[in-house]
Amino acid sequence: MRRKNLDQQESEESTRSLPKSGDVFRCESCGMELEIIADCGCDEGPRLECCGQPMSRADDAGGI
């Protein structure tokens, strides 16, 4: 039962981290910003990178 709860929690966390329509991402190196205008249907989601680094959510200090 505990494993099922952990699997469900991991699934919810990964779903929350997927970019959604309206999210804005920023490159911490050059400052370029990107706005998501359509949700991604992939299981793993897109890889948003710029200047060789993952982009972070503009409204989230912790990044992706």
Protein backbone atom coordinates (compact mmCIF):
# COMPACT_ATOMS: atom_id res chain seq x y z
CA MET A 1 0.00 0.00 0.00
CA ARG A 2 2.83 2.40 0.85
CA ARG A 3 4.43 1.81 -2.59
CA LYS A 4 1.12 2.64 -4.29
CA ASN A 5 0.95 5.94 -2.39
CA LEU A 6 4.55 6.76 -3.35
CA ASP A 7 3.85 5.98 -7.02
CA GLN A 8 0.76 8.21 -6.94
CA GLN A 9 2.72 11.03 -5.27
CA GLU A 10 5.54 10.79 -7.84
CA SER A 11 2.98 10.85 -10.66
CA GLU A 12 1.29 13.96 -9.23
CA GLU A 13 4.65 15.72 -8.78
CA SER A 14 5.74 14.99 -12.35
CA THR A 15 2.38 16.21 -13.68
CA ARG A 16 2.74 19.46 -11.73
CA SER A 17 6.22 20.04 -13.15
CA LEU A 18 5.10 19.70 -16.79
CA PRO A 19 4.77 23.04 -18.54
CA LYS A 20 1.17 24.12 -19.05
CA SER A 21 -0.39 26.73 -21.28
CA GLY A 22 0.31 30.18 -19.82
CA ASP A 23 3.54 29.19 -17.99
CA VAL A 24 6.55 31.42 -18.59
CA PHE A 25 10.13 30.15 -18.50
CA ARG A 26 13.29 32.26 -18.27
CA CYS A 27 16.93 31.59 -19.08
CA GLU A 28 18.96 32.54 -16.00
CA SER A 29 22.00 33.23 -18.19
CA CYS A 30 20.74 35.51 -20.98
CA GLY A 31 17.26 36.46 -19.72
CA MET A 32 15.32 35.14 -22.73
CA GLU A 33 11.73 34.24 -21.82
CA LEU A 34 9.40 31.72 -23.34
CA GLU A 35 5.63 31.48 -22.86
CA ILE A 36 3.88 28.15 -23.31
CA ILE A 37 0.79 28.63 -25.46
CA ALA A 38 -0.24 24.96 -25.83
CA ASP A 39 0.11 22.00 -23.46
CA CYS A 40 2.49 19.20 -24.40
CA GLY A 41 0.92 15.76 -24.75
CA CYS A 42 4.17 13.82 -24.22
CA ASP A 43 4.57 11.58 -21.17
CA GLU A 44 7.94 13.08 -20.23
CA GLY A 45 7.23 16.63 -21.36
CA PRO A 46 9.53 18.97 -23.29
CA ARG A 47 13.11 19.85 -22.41
CA LEU A 48 13.33 23.60 -22.18
CA GLU A 49 16.96 24.68 -22.39
CA CYS A 50 18.84 27.83 -23.33
CA CYS A 51 22.56 28.64 -23.12
CA GLY A 52 23.15 24.95 -22.35
CA GLN A 53 21.10 25.05 -19.12
CA PRO A 54 17.52 24.12 -18.19
CA MET A 55 15.20 27.12 -18.18
CA SER A 56 13.41 27.98 -14.92
CA ARG A 57 9.84 29.05 -14.39
CA ALA A 58 9.69 32.83 -14.34
CA ASP A 59 7.35 32.76 -11.33
CA ASP A 60 9.29 30.07 -9.44
CA ALA A 61 12.63 30.70 -7.73
CA GLY A 62 13.32 26.94 -7.63
CA GLY A 63 13.22 26.38 -11.39
CA ILE A 64 12.08 23.18 -13.02
